[in-house]
Structure formats: C-alpha cells, structure tokens
Amino acid sequence: MPFINAKFSTTVTPDKEYELKAALGEAITLLGKSERYLMVEIEDNRRLYFGGENDKPIAFFDVSLLHSAPRAAYEKLTERLCGIAEEYMGIDGDHVYVKFEETENWGYNSFMF
C-alpha cells in the first residue's frame, strides 16, 4: 500500500507527468512493493526553498507505506528517486529530499490491511 507524493518547484507537462508516474511505479519495486496498489500524487510549481534559496529546481518525495522495508531498500529507492528527478525534471540530487513514513494501519476499499 505505498503512496508517493512528488513535489516539484518547476512545471510538469502532461507528457512528463505520465513518464514520472511510470518511473515511480517501477521504482517502488525496490521496496518490495507493486505498482498495483501504488497511489501517486504529482504536484508542480510548488514554492520550495532549499538552504534558504529557490534559484535552482527542487524536488521533494514523500513516500508512505504499509509496514516497513529494510534500510538498504530505502537507500536504493532514494538513489532512484534522485535519478528520476534528474532524468525527467533536470533536478540535481543535491536539491532533492526523500522522506519515508511507515504505518501499521492502512485502509482500502472499506477494510483494513
């Protein structure tokens, strides 16, 4: 039951949004999760500041998932998300944050997993 909220300080075109969605769907497998239940939110033109500045493109990925994953998997996904930001949005990894949030309670379709 993963959810990825991707925020970008730049504009995401419809074509780029589709490419990002597909790349995130592939990337979530690094946590042993499937795209089948992945929910993605892509927000563009966000007012993001890094180090008190917003003169370069910035990205923030907020990843929520049911239960947990090994730290090594989080490291691999962090590397991949930074790569996605660079490849699709031209954002350097030193302007990307990734946050992980684990939960034991997740509801879907009127029941709890």
N, C-alpha and C. Protein backbone atom coordinates (compact mmCIF):
# COMPACT_ATOMS: atom_id res chain seq x y z
N MET A 1 0.83 -1.18 0.00
CA MET A 1 0.00 0.00 0.00
C MET A 1 0.88 1.25 0.00
N PRO A 2 1.70 1.43 -0.97
CA PRO A 2 2.53 2.64 -0.99
C PRO A 2 1.82 3.85 -1.59
N PHE A 3 2.27 5.00 -1.15
CA PHE A 3 1.81 6.28 -1.69
C PHE A 3 3.04 7.16 -1.86
N ILE A 4 3.19 7.76 -3.03
CA ILE A 4 4.29 8.69 -3.27
C ILE A 4 3.71 10.03 -3.65
N ASN A 5 4.06 11.05 -2.88
CA ASN A 5 3.72 12.42 -3.21
C ASN A 5 5.01 13.06 -3.70
N ALA A 6 5.01 13.48 -4.96
CA ALA A 6 6.19 14.09 -5.57
C ALA A 6 5.90 15.56 -5.81
N LYS A 7 6.70 16.41 -5.20
CA LYS A 7 6.54 17.86 -5.34
C LYS A 7 7.74 18.42 -6.09
N PHE A 8 7.44 19.28 -7.05
CA PHE A 8 8.49 19.90 -7.86
C PHE A 8 8.30 21.41 -7.87
N SER A 9 9.39 22.13 -7.88
CA SER A 9 9.31 23.59 -7.94
C SER A 9 9.11 24.09 -9.36
N THR A 10 9.17 23.18 -10.31
CA THR A 10 9.05 23.53 -11.73
C THR A 10 7.75 22.96 -12.31
N THR A 11 7.45 23.31 -13.54
CA THR A 11 6.24 22.84 -14.21
C THR A 11 6.43 21.41 -14.71
N VAL A 12 5.39 20.61 -14.54
CA VAL A 12 5.36 19.25 -15.05
C VAL A 12 4.32 19.20 -16.16
N THR A 13 4.76 18.97 -17.38
CA THR A 13 3.84 18.88 -18.51
C THR A 13 3.06 17.56 -18.41
N PRO A 14 1.91 17.46 -19.09
CA PRO A 14 1.17 16.19 -19.07
C PRO A 14 2.00 14.99 -19.53
N ASP A 15 2.81 15.16 -20.55
CA ASP A 15 3.66 14.06 -21.01
C ASP A 15 4.68 13.67 -19.94
N LYS A 16 5.28 14.68 -19.32
CA LYS A 16 6.27 14.44 -18.27
C LYS A 16 5.61 13.78 -17.06
N GLU A 17 4.38 14.18 -16.77
CA GLU A 17 3.64 13.59 -15.64
C GLU A 17 3.44 12.09 -15.86
N TYR A 18 3.07 11.71 -17.07
CA TYR A 18 2.88 10.30 -17.38
C TYR A 18 4.20 9.53 -17.24
N GLU A 19 5.29 10.12 -17.72
CA GLU A 19 6.61 9.48 -17.61
C GLU A 19 7.02 9.33 -16.15
N LEU A 20 6.78 10.37 -15.35
CA LEU A 20 7.10 10.32 -13.93
C LEU A 20 6.29 9.23 -13.23
N LYS A 21 5.00 9.18 -13.52
CA LYS A 21 4.13 8.16 -12.91
C LYS A 21 4.65 6.76 -13.22
N ALA A 22 5.03 6.54 -14.46
CA ALA A 22 5.55 5.23 -14.86
C ALA A 22 6.88 4.93 -14.16
N ALA A 23 7.75 5.90 -14.07
CA ALA A 23 9.05 5.71 -13.42
C ALA A 23 8.88 5.44 -11.93
N LEU A 24 7.95 6.13 -11.30
CA LEU A 24 7.69 5.90 -9.87
C LEU A 24 7.09 4.51 -9.64
N GLY A 25 6.25 4.08 -10.56
CA GLY A 25 5.67 2.74 -10.48
C GLY A 25 6.73 1.65 -10.56
N GLU A 26 7.72 1.89 -11.37
CA GLU A 26 8.83 0.94 -11.48
C GLU A 26 9.73 1.02 -10.26
N ALA A 27 9.98 2.23 -9.77
CA ALA A 27 10.89 2.43 -8.64
C ALA A 27 10.38 1.81 -7.35
N ILE A 28 9.06 1.78 -7.15
CA ILE A 28 8.52 1.29 -5.88
C ILE A 28 8.83 -0.19 -5.67
N THR A 29 9.16 -0.90 -6.74
CA THR A 29 9.51 -2.32 -6.60
C THR A 29 10.79 -2.49 -5.79
N LEU A 30 11.60 -1.45 -5.67
CA LEU A 30 12.81 -1.52 -4.86
C LEU A 30 12.50 -1.72 -3.38
N LEU A 31 11.27 -1.40 -2.97
CA LEU A 31 10.84 -1.63 -1.59
C LEU A 31 10.08 -2.95 -1.46
N GLY A 32 10.08 -3.73 -2.52
CA GLY A 32 9.34 -4.99 -2.49
C GLY A 32 7.84 -4.77 -2.64
N LYS A 33 7.45 -3.61 -3.13
CA LYS A 33 6.04 -3.28 -3.33
C LYS A 33 5.72 -3.32 -4.81
N SER A 34 4.44 -3.32 -5.12
CA SER A 34 4.00 -3.42 -6.50
C SER A 34 3.28 -2.14 -6.92
N GLU A 35 3.33 -1.84 -8.21
CA GLU A 35 2.61 -0.68 -8.72
C GLU A 35 1.09 -0.89 -8.64
N ARG A 36 0.67 -2.11 -8.51
CA ARG A 36 -0.77 -2.42 -8.49
C ARG A 36 -1.53 -1.59 -7.47
N TYR A 37 -0.97 -1.39 -6.29
CA TYR A 37 -1.65 -0.62 -5.25
C TYR A 37 -0.97 0.73 -4.99
N LEU A 38 -0.04 1.10 -5.81
CA LEU A 38 0.64 2.38 -5.64
C LEU A 38 -0.28 3.54 -6.01
N MET A 39 -0.34 4.52 -5.13
CA MET A 39 -1.03 5.77 -5.44
C MET A 39 0.05 6.85 -5.55
N VAL A 40 -0.05 7.67 -6.58
CA VAL A 40 0.94 8.72 -6.83
C VAL A 40 0.22 10.06 -6.93
N GLU A 41 0.82 11.06 -6.30
CA GLU A 41 0.36 12.45 -6.48
C GLU A 41 1.57 13.24 -6.97
N ILE A 42 1.37 14.00 -8.03
CA ILE A 42 2.44 14.82 -8.59
C ILE A 42 2.00 16.27 -8.51
N GLU A 43 2.77 17.06 -7.80
CA GLU A 43 2.48 18.48 -7.64
C GLU A 43 3.59 19.29 -8.28
N ASP A 44 3.23 20.23 -9.12
CA ASP A 44 4.25 21.07 -9.74
C ASP A 44 4.08 22.53 -9.32
N ASN A 45 5.06 23.33 -9.70
CA ASN A 45 5.07 24.76 -9.40
C ASN A 45 4.91 25.05 -7.91
N ARG A 46 5.52 24.19 -7.07
CA ARG A 46 5.47 24.38 -5.63
C ARG A 46 6.53 25.41 -5.22
N ARG A 47 6.24 26.16 -4.22
CA ARG A 47 7.20 27.15 -3.68
C ARG A 47 8.12 26.44 -2.70
N LEU A 48 9.16 25.83 -3.22
CA LEU A 48 10.12 25.09 -2.42
C LEU A 48 11.41 25.90 -2.30
N TYR A 49 11.99 25.85 -1.11
CA TYR A 49 13.26 26.52 -0.84
C TYR A 49 14.21 25.50 -0.27
N PHE A 50 15.45 25.55 -0.70
CA PHE A 50 16.48 24.67 -0.17
C PHE A 50 17.65 25.53 0.27
N GLY A 51 18.02 25.43 1.53
CA GLY A 51 19.09 26.27 2.05
C GLY A 51 18.74 27.74 1.99
N GLY A 52 17.46 28.05 2.09
CA GLY A 52 17.01 29.44 2.06
C GLY A 52 16.91 30.03 0.67
N GLU A 53 17.17 29.23 -0.34
CA GLU A 53 17.16 29.72 -1.73
C GLU A 53 16.16 28.92 -2.57
N ASN A 54 15.70 29.54 -3.64
CA ASN A 54 14.89 28.82 -4.62
C ASN A 54 15.32 29.18 -6.04
N ASP A 55 16.63 29.37 -6.21
CA ASP A 55 17.16 29.75 -7.51
C ASP A 55 17.48 28.56 -8.42
N LYS A 56 17.32 27.34 -7.91
CA LYS A 56 17.51 26.12 -8.69
C LYS A 56 16.27 25.24 -8.52
N PRO A 57 16.01 24.37 -9.49
CA PRO A 57 14.87 23.46 -9.35
C PRO A 57 15.04 22.55 -8.13
N ILE A 58 13.93 22.25 -7.47
CA ILE A 58 13.93 21.47 -6.24
C ILE A 58 12.84 20.40 -6.33
N ALA A 59 13.09 19.25 -5.69
CA ALA A 59 12.08 18.18 -5.61
C ALA A 59 12.01 17.62 -4.20
N PHE A 60 10.82 17.19 -3.82
CA PHE A 60 10.60 16.53 -2.54
C PHE A 60 9.71 15.32 -2.78
N PHE A 61 10.15 14.16 -2.35
CA PHE A 61 9.38 12.93 -2.46
C PHE A 61 8.99 12.47 -1.07
N ASP A 62 7.71 12.30 -0.84
CA ASP A 62 7.19 11.82 0.43
C ASP A 62 6.61 10.43 0.17
N VAL A 63 7.26 9.41 0.73
CA VAL A 63 6.90 8.02 0.46
C VAL A 63 6.29 7.41 1.72
N SER A 64 5.04 6.97 1.62
CA SER A 64 4.36 6.30 2.73
C SER A 64 4.10 4.86 2.34
N LEU A 65 4.24 3.95 3.32
CA LEU A 65 3.99 2.56 3.01
C LEU A 65 3.49 1.78 4.21
N LEU A 66 2.75 0.73 3.93
CA LEU A 66 2.28 -0.18 4.96
C LEU A 66 3.46 -1.00 5.45
N HIS A 67 3.64 -1.03 6.75
CA HIS A 67 4.73 -1.75 7.41
C HIS A 67 6.06 -1.04 7.12
N SER A 68 7.09 -1.80 6.83
CA SER A 68 8.40 -1.19 6.66
C SER A 68 9.18 -1.94 5.59
N ALA A 69 10.35 -1.43 5.33
CA ALA A 69 11.27 -2.06 4.38
C ALA A 69 12.68 -1.94 4.97
N PRO A 70 13.61 -2.75 4.52
CA PRO A 70 14.98 -2.65 5.02
C PRO A 70 15.63 -1.32 4.64
N ARG A 71 16.52 -0.84 5.48
CA ARG A 71 17.21 0.43 5.23
C ARG A 71 17.90 0.42 3.86
N ALA A 72 18.48 -0.71 3.50
CA ALA A 72 19.17 -0.80 2.20
C ALA A 72 18.19 -0.54 1.05
N ALA A 73 16.94 -0.99 1.21
CA ALA A 73 15.92 -0.75 0.17
C ALA A 73 15.58 0.74 0.12
N TYR A 74 15.50 1.38 1.29
CA TYR A 74 15.25 2.82 1.32
C TYR A 74 16.40 3.58 0.64
N GLU A 75 17.61 3.13 0.86
CA GLU A 75 18.77 3.77 0.23
C GLU A 75 18.70 3.63 -1.30
N LYS A 76 18.34 2.44 -1.78
CA LYS A 76 18.22 2.22 -3.22
C LYS A 76 17.10 3.08 -3.82
N LEU A 77 15.97 3.16 -3.11
CA LEU A 77 14.88 3.97 -3.63
C LEU A 77 15.25 5.45 -3.61
N THR A 78 15.94 5.89 -2.57
CA THR A 78 16.39 7.28 -2.53
C THR A 78 17.28 7.59 -3.74
N GLU A 79 18.20 6.69 -4.03
CA GLU A 79 19.08 6.87 -5.19
C GLU A 79 18.26 6.93 -6.48
N ARG A 80 17.28 6.05 -6.59
CA ARG A 80 16.46 6.02 -7.81
C ARG A 80 15.60 7.26 -7.94
N LEU A 81 15.00 7.73 -6.83
CA LEU A 81 14.18 8.94 -6.89
C LEU A 81 15.01 10.16 -7.27
N CYS A 82 16.23 10.23 -6.76
CA CYS A 82 17.12 11.33 -7.17
C CYS A 82 17.43 11.21 -8.66
N GLY A 83 17.61 9.98 -9.14
CA GLY A 83 17.83 9.77 -10.57
C GLY A 83 16.63 10.15 -11.41
N ILE A 84 15.44 9.86 -10.92
CA ILE A 84 14.21 10.24 -11.63
C ILE A 84 14.10 11.76 -11.70
N ALA A 85 14.39 12.43 -10.59
CA ALA A 85 14.34 13.90 -10.57
C ALA A 85 15.31 14.49 -11.59
N GLU A 86 16.48 13.89 -11.69
CA GLU A 86 17.49 14.37 -12.65
C GLU A 86 17.07 14.05 -14.08
N GLU A 87 16.71 12.80 -14.32
CA GLU A 87 16.40 12.34 -15.67
C GLU A 87 15.17 13.02 -16.28
N TYR A 88 14.11 13.15 -15.50
CA TYR A 88 12.86 13.66 -16.05
C TYR A 88 12.63 15.15 -15.83
N MET A 89 13.25 15.70 -14.77
CA MET A 89 12.98 17.10 -14.42
C MET A 89 14.23 17.98 -14.41
N GLY A 90 15.41 17.40 -14.64
CA GLY A 90 16.64 18.18 -14.65
C GLY A 90 17.02 18.73 -13.28
N ILE A 91 16.62 18.03 -12.21
CA ILE A 91 16.90 18.49 -10.85
C ILE A 91 18.07 17.70 -10.28
N ASP A 92 19.10 18.40 -9.86
CA ASP A 92 20.27 17.76 -9.26
C ASP A 92 19.91 17.10 -7.94
N GLY A 93 20.54 15.97 -7.66
CA GLY A 93 20.30 15.22 -6.44
C GLY A 93 20.54 16.01 -5.17
N ASP A 94 21.42 17.03 -5.25
CA ASP A 94 21.68 17.83 -4.05
C ASP A 94 20.57 18.85 -3.78
N HIS A 95 19.50 18.78 -4.57
CA HIS A 95 18.30 19.60 -4.35
C HIS A 95 17.05 18.72 -4.28
N VAL A 96 17.25 17.49 -3.79
CA VAL A 96 16.15 16.53 -3.65
C VAL A 96 16.15 15.99 -2.23
N TYR A 97 14.99 16.01 -1.59
CA TYR A 97 14.79 15.35 -0.31
C TYR A 97 13.82 14.20 -0.52
N VAL A 98 14.03 13.13 0.24
CA VAL A 98 13.14 11.98 0.22
C VAL A 98 12.80 11.64 1.68
N LYS A 99 11.51 11.57 1.97
CA LYS A 99 11.05 11.22 3.32
C LYS A 99 10.27 9.92 3.25
N PHE A 100 10.52 9.04 4.21
CA PHE A 100 9.80 7.77 4.30
C PHE A 100 8.95 7.76 5.57
N GLU A 101 7.73 7.27 5.43
CA GLU A 101 6.85 7.14 6.57
C GLU A 101 6.22 5.75 6.54
N GLU A 102 6.37 5.03 7.64
CA GLU A 102 5.83 3.68 7.75
C GLU A 102 4.59 3.71 8.64
N THR A 103 3.62 2.86 8.32
CA THR A 103 2.43 2.76 9.15
C THR A 103 2.01 1.30 9.26
N GLU A 104 1.41 0.96 10.38
CA GLU A 104 0.89 -0.39 10.58
C GLU A 104 -0.58 -0.48 10.22
N ASN A 105 -1.22 0.67 10.02
CA ASN A 105 -2.66 0.71 9.74
C ASN A 105 -2.90 1.41 8.40
N TRP A 106 -3.52 0.67 7.49
CA TRP A 106 -3.80 1.23 6.18
C TRP A 106 -5.16 0.69 5.71
N GLY A 107 -6.06 1.58 5.39
CA GLY A 107 -7.38 1.17 4.93
C GLY A 107 -7.50 1.27 3.43
N TYR A 108 -8.35 0.41 2.87
CA TYR A 108 -8.58 0.39 1.43
C TYR A 108 -9.90 -0.32 1.18
N ASN A 109 -10.73 0.24 0.34
CA ASN A 109 -11.95 -0.41 -0.11
C ASN A 109 -12.79 -0.92 1.06
N SER A 110 -12.97 -0.09 2.08
CA SER A 110 -13.80 -0.35 3.26
C SER A 110 -13.23 -1.39 4.22
N PHE A 111 -11.96 -1.76 4.09
CA PHE A 111 -11.37 -2.68 5.07
C PHE A 111 -9.94 -2.26 5.38
N MET A 112 -9.39 -2.88 6.40
CA MET A 112 -8.02 -2.59 6.83
C MET A 112 -7.09 -3.72 6.40
N PHE A 113 -5.93 -3.33 5.92
CA PHE A 113 -4.91 -4.34 5.62
C PHE A 113 -4.22 -4.74 6.91
